[in-house]
Amino acid sequence: MKKDVNRLLRGHRANIDRYAKLLATNLTELERQYIHRRIAEEHAAIARLEAERFLPIATATADPATLIAARQAAGRQKGGGSGDARRAFSLTAGARANG
């Protein structure tokens, strides 16, 4: 499973690189907006994968309220935010260390 997640992460990063190269070309404003949207979607997919990679570790020792908050933060990544899942994971890691 770890190899699958790493493969998916590499694919999303390669897509971001490809889209960034496209932005350096002559594009219409509509095309540029589309590519920016796709880059945001790729970043959100990476954030979801990274959050999912750590949630199973935290489930064994964290309290249920902390896990719910972490899963909700990971779900918010669809909007393209970058820090919610990492903050949620920090909360779960803190709960594990303190509990």
C-alpha atoms as a PDB file:
ATOM      1  CA  MET A   1       0.000   0.000   0.000  1.00  0.00           C
ATOM      2  CA  LYS A   2       2.836   2.402   0.815  1.00  0.00           C
ATOM      3  CA  LYS A   3       4.226   1.895  -2.692  1.00  0.00           C
ATOM      4  CA  ASP A   4       0.807   2.678  -4.168  1.00  0.00           C
ATOM      5  CA  VAL A   5       0.545   5.933  -2.216  1.00  0.00           C
ATOM      6  CA  ASN A   6       4.073   6.925  -3.232  1.00  0.00           C
ATOM      7  CA  ARG A   7       3.253   6.151  -6.864  1.00  0.00           C
ATOM      8  CA  LEU A   8       0.124   8.303  -6.685  1.00  0.00           C
ATOM      9  CA  LEU A   9       2.037  11.146  -5.034  1.00  0.00           C
ATOM     10  CA  ARG A  10       4.692  11.035  -7.764  1.00  0.00           C
ATOM     11  CA  GLY A  11       1.969  11.141 -10.402  1.00  0.00           C
ATOM     12  CA  HIS A  12       0.281  14.185  -8.870  1.00  0.00           C
ATOM     13  CA  ARG A  13       3.625  15.988  -8.545  1.00  0.00           C
ATOM     14  CA  ALA A  14       4.446  15.179 -12.175  1.00  0.00           C
ATOM     15  CA  ASN A  15       1.073  16.617 -13.205  1.00  0.00           C
ATOM     16  CA  ILE A  16       1.805  19.813 -11.279  1.00  0.00           C
ATOM     17  CA  ASP A  17       5.187  20.123 -13.023  1.00  0.00           C
ATOM     18  CA  ARG A  18       3.567  19.591 -16.402  1.00  0.00           C
ATOM     19  CA  TYR A  19       0.884  22.206 -15.682  1.00  0.00           C
ATOM     20  CA  ALA A  20       3.532  24.669 -14.488  1.00  0.00           C
ATOM     21  CA  LYS A  21       5.383  24.257 -17.795  1.00  0.00           C
ATOM     22  CA  LEU A  22       2.152  24.914 -19.656  1.00  0.00           C
ATOM     23  CA  LEU A  23       1.694  28.163 -17.741  1.00  0.00           C
ATOM     24  CA  ALA A  24       4.975  29.376 -19.233  1.00  0.00           C
ATOM     25  CA  THR A  25       3.487  29.147 -22.730  1.00  0.00           C
ATOM     26  CA  ASN A  26       1.210  31.559 -24.572  1.00  0.00           C
ATOM     27  CA  LEU A  27      -2.307  30.857 -23.237  1.00  0.00           C
ATOM     28  CA  THR A  28      -5.649  32.577 -23.229  1.00  0.00           C
ATOM     29  CA  GLU A  29      -6.980  33.761 -19.878  1.00  0.00           C
ATOM     30  CA  LEU A  30      -9.546  30.960 -19.884  1.00  0.00           C
ATOM     31  CA  GLU A  31      -6.864  28.326 -20.466  1.00  0.00           C
ATOM     32  CA  ARG A  32      -4.714  29.866 -17.741  1.00  0.00           C
ATOM     33  CA  GLN A  33      -7.629  29.762 -15.264  1.00  0.00           C
ATOM     34  CA  TYR A  34      -8.271  26.124 -16.133  1.00  0.00           C
ATOM     35  CA  ILE A  35      -4.635  25.171 -15.525  1.00  0.00           C
ATOM     36  CA  HIS A  36      -4.544  27.030 -12.204  1.00  0.00           C
ATOM     37  CA  ARG A  37      -7.678  25.150 -11.164  1.00  0.00           C
ATOM     38  CA  ARG A  38      -6.089  21.822 -12.149  1.00  0.00           C
ATOM     39  CA  ILE A  39      -2.941  22.673 -10.160  1.00  0.00           C
ATOM     40  CA  ALA A  40      -5.095  23.433  -7.109  1.00  0.00           C
ATOM     41  CA  GLU A  41      -6.886  20.089  -7.552  1.00  0.00           C
ATOM     42  CA  GLU A  42      -3.560  18.251  -7.759  1.00  0.00           C
ATOM     43  CA  HIS A  43      -2.331  19.975  -4.580  1.00  0.00           C
ATOM     44  CA  ALA A  44      -5.584  18.994  -2.831  1.00  0.00           C
ATOM     45  CA  ALA A  45      -5.145  15.378  -3.952  1.00  0.00           C
ATOM     46  CA  ILE A  46      -1.600  15.354  -2.566  1.00  0.00           C
ATOM     47  CA  ALA A  47      -2.803  16.778   0.744  1.00  0.00           C
ATOM     48  CA  ARG A  48      -5.537  14.120   0.981  1.00  0.00           C
ATOM     49  CA  LEU A  49      -3.081  11.313   0.280  1.00  0.00           C
ATOM     50  CA  GLU A  50      -0.612  12.635   2.842  1.00  0.00           C
ATOM     51  CA  ALA A  51      -3.362  13.005   5.458  1.00  0.00           C
ATOM     52  CA  GLU A  52      -4.679   9.501   4.773  1.00  0.00           C
ATOM     53  CA  ARG A  53      -1.197   8.089   5.074  1.00  0.00           C
ATOM     54  CA  PHE A  54      -0.964   9.279   8.699  1.00  0.00           C
ATOM     55  CA  LEU A  55      -4.533   8.762   9.912  1.00  0.00           C
ATOM     56  CA  PRO A  56      -4.247   4.955  10.338  1.00  0.00           C
ATOM     57  CA  ILE A  57      -1.229   5.450  12.610  1.00  0.00           C
ATOM     58  CA  ALA A  58      -3.110   7.857  14.830  1.00  0.00           C
ATOM     59  CA  THR A  59      -6.305   5.786  15.061  1.00  0.00           C
ATOM     60  CA  ALA A  60      -4.764   3.229  17.390  1.00  0.00           C
ATOM     61  CA  THR A  61      -4.097   5.678  20.231  1.00  0.00           C
ATOM     62  CA  ALA A  62      -5.945   8.964  19.660  1.00  0.00           C
ATOM     63  CA  ASP A  63      -9.290   9.746  21.244  1.00  0.00           C
ATOM     64  CA  PRO A  64     -12.377   9.663  18.947  1.00  0.00           C
ATOM     65  CA  ALA A  65     -12.971  13.450  19.001  1.00  0.00           C
ATOM     66  CA  THR A  66      -9.454  14.099  17.754  1.00  0.00           C
ATOM     67  CA  LEU A  67      -9.843  11.544  14.964  1.00  0.00           C
ATOM     68  CA  ILE A  68     -13.115  13.101  13.841  1.00  0.00           C
ATOM     69  CA  ALA A  69     -11.441  16.521  13.678  1.00  0.00           C
ATOM     70  CA  ALA A  70      -8.549  15.069  11.661  1.00  0.00           C
ATOM     71  CA  ARG A  71     -10.871  13.380   9.169  1.00  0.00           C
ATOM     72  CA  GLN A  72     -12.919  16.557   8.768  1.00  0.00           C
ATOM     73  CA  ALA A  73      -9.755  18.547   8.150  1.00  0.00           C
ATOM     74  CA  ALA A  74      -8.615  16.002   5.562  1.00  0.00           C
ATOM     75  CA  GLY A  75     -12.013  16.293   3.844  1.00  0.00           C
ATOM     76  CA  ARG A  76     -11.658  20.077   3.656  1.00  0.00           C
ATOM     77  CA  GLN A  77      -8.567  19.586   1.498  1.00  0.00           C
ATOM     78  CA  LYS A  78     -10.839  19.268  -1.537  1.00  0.00           C
ATOM     79  CA  GLY A  79     -11.040  23.047  -1.517  1.00  0.00           C
ATOM     80  CA  GLY A  80      -7.316  23.336  -2.134  1.00  0.00           C
ATOM     81  CA  GLY A  81      -6.194  24.374   1.361  1.00  0.00           C
ATOM     82  CA  SER A  82      -2.749  23.281   2.338  1.00  0.00           C
ATOM     83  CA  GLY A  83      -2.421  23.224   6.106  1.00  0.00           C
ATOM     84  CA  ASP A  84      -5.612  21.828   7.640  1.00  0.00           C
ATOM     85  CA  ALA A  85      -4.678  18.155   7.364  1.00  0.00           C
ATOM     86  CA  ARG A  86      -1.194  18.754   8.728  1.00  0.00           C
ATOM     87  CA  ARG A  87      -2.613  20.724  11.659  1.00  0.00           C
ATOM     88  CA  ALA A  88      -5.138  17.951  12.290  1.00  0.00           C
ATOM     89  CA  PHE A  89      -2.376  15.377  12.222  1.00  0.00           C
ATOM     90  CA  SER A  90      -0.408  17.482  14.697  1.00  0.00           C
ATOM     91  CA  LEU A  91      -3.455  17.398  16.950  1.00  0.00           C
ATOM     92  CA  THR A  92      -3.691  13.613  16.707  1.00  0.00           C
ATOM     93  CA  ALA A  93       0.024  13.203  17.350  1.00  0.00           C
ATOM     94  CA  GLY A  94      -0.251  15.515  20.356  1.00  0.00           C
ATOM     95  CA  ALA A  95      -3.197  13.563  21.713  1.00  0.00           C
ATOM     96  CA  ARG A  96      -1.260  10.341  21.301  1.00  0.00           C
ATOM     97  CA  ALA A  97       1.777  11.757  23.088  1.00  0.00           C
ATOM     98  CA  ASN A  98      -0.275  13.250  25.917  1.00  0.00           C
ATOM     99  CA  GLY A  99      -2.735  10.368  26.292  1.00  0.00           C
END
